[in-house]
């Protein structure tokens, strides 16, 4: 198993920040005096968007690992959509 690359966490942190800012701003449109509501929507937005970006990053890391494994074994690169011809075709 390879050591995690810290650069993969950067998009997740960016997603958390953007999600929090969006949640805060969306709640602020409805009520400018409701700090608790803005904070809760900010936390909710950060969790949802940060979690979504995290899932995408896990899929990207898995895909990169699969690509590196295939190329290190000398297997042909998989094209778009994983159309790998079966044996005998």
Protein backbone atom coordinates (compact mmCIF):
# COMPACT_ATOMS: atom_id res chain seq x y z
CA UNK A 1 0.00 0.00 0.00
CA UNK A 2 1.37 3.38 -0.95
CA UNK A 3 1.74 6.37 1.31
CA UNK A 4 -1.05 8.96 0.93
CA UNK A 5 -0.19 12.02 -1.08
CA UNK A 6 -1.03 15.20 0.87
CA UNK A 7 -1.93 17.01 -2.36
CA UNK A 8 -5.06 14.87 -2.64
CA UNK A 9 -6.47 16.52 0.50
CA UNK A 10 -6.28 20.00 -0.99
CA UNK A 11 -9.48 19.69 -3.11
CA UNK A 12 -11.35 18.30 -0.09
CA UNK A 13 -10.29 21.26 2.05
CA UNK A 14 -11.24 23.63 -0.76
CA UNK A 15 -14.64 21.90 -1.04
CA UNK A 16 -15.15 22.28 2.71
CA UNK A 17 -14.37 25.99 2.54
CA UNK A 18 -16.57 26.62 -0.49
CA UNK A 19 -19.42 24.55 0.96
CA UNK A 20 -19.27 26.44 4.22
CA UNK A 21 -19.22 29.79 2.46
CA UNK A 22 -22.13 28.83 0.20
CA UNK A 23 -24.21 27.57 3.12
CA UNK A 24 -23.50 30.74 5.09
CA UNK A 25 -24.38 32.99 2.15
CA UNK A 26 -27.55 31.12 1.19
CA UNK A 27 -28.84 31.29 4.76
CA UNK A 28 -27.86 34.97 4.89
CA UNK A 29 -30.07 35.78 1.91
CA UNK A 30 -33.16 34.71 3.84
CA UNK A 31 -32.23 36.24 7.19
CA UNK A 32 -29.36 38.65 7.75
CA UNK A 33 -29.77 38.71 11.56
CA UNK A 34 -29.82 34.91 12.08
CA UNK A 35 -26.21 34.05 12.88
CA UNK A 36 -27.07 30.62 14.31
CA UNK A 37 -28.98 29.71 11.17
CA UNK A 38 -26.15 30.92 8.96
CA UNK A 39 -23.61 28.95 10.97
CA UNK A 40 -25.66 25.75 10.86
CA UNK A 41 -26.20 26.06 7.11
CA UNK A 42 -22.50 26.78 6.71
CA UNK A 43 -21.56 23.61 8.60
CA UNK A 44 -24.14 21.59 6.67
CA UNK A 45 -22.88 22.93 3.35
CA UNK A 46 -19.28 22.18 4.30
CA UNK A 47 -20.14 18.60 5.28
CA UNK A 48 -22.20 17.89 2.16
CA UNK A 49 -19.87 19.47 -0.40
CA UNK A 50 -16.69 18.35 1.37
CA UNK A 51 -18.06 14.81 1.58
CA UNK A 52 -18.94 14.81 -2.11
CA UNK A 53 -15.49 16.04 -3.09
CA UNK A 54 -13.99 13.42 -0.76
CA UNK A 55 -15.89 10.62 -2.50
CA UNK A 56 -14.73 11.84 -5.90
CA UNK A 57 -11.12 12.02 -4.67
CA UNK A 58 -11.29 8.43 -3.38
CA UNK A 59 -12.52 7.30 -6.80
CA UNK A 60 -9.74 9.27 -8.52
CA UNK A 61 -7.08 7.74 -6.26
CA UNK A 62 -8.42 4.23 -6.90
CA UNK A 63 -8.45 4.86 -10.63
CA UNK A 64 -4.87 6.14 -10.60
CA UNK A 65 -3.73 3.14 -8.55
CA UNK A 66 -5.46 0.76 -10.97
CA UNK A 67 -3.82 2.52 -13.92
CA UNK A 68 -0.36 2.33 -12.32
CA UNK A 69 -0.87 -1.34 -11.48
CA UNK A 70 -1.91 -2.20 -15.04
CA UNK A 71 0.98 -0.33 -16.62
CA UNK A 72 3.51 -1.84 -14.21
CA UNK A 73 2.29 -5.33 -15.17
CA UNK A 74 2.68 -4.52 -18.86
CA UNK A 75 -1.05 -4.78 -19.57
CA UNK A 76 -2.62 -2.48 -22.17
CA UNK A 77 -4.13 0.75 -20.96
CA UNK A 78 -7.89 0.68 -20.50
CA UNK A 79 -9.74 3.11 -22.76
CA UNK A 80 -12.71 5.28 -22.01
CA UNK A 81 -15.59 3.24 -20.63
CA UNK A 82 -13.38 0.24 -19.86
CA UNK A 83 -13.92 -1.40 -23.25
CA UNK A 84 -11.39 -4.19 -22.92
CA UNK A 85 -11.63 -6.81 -25.67
CA UNK A 86 -12.20 -10.28 -24.32
CA UNK A 87 -9.92 -13.18 -25.23
CA UNK A 88 -10.77 -14.71 -28.58
CA UNK A 89 -12.47 -11.65 -30.03
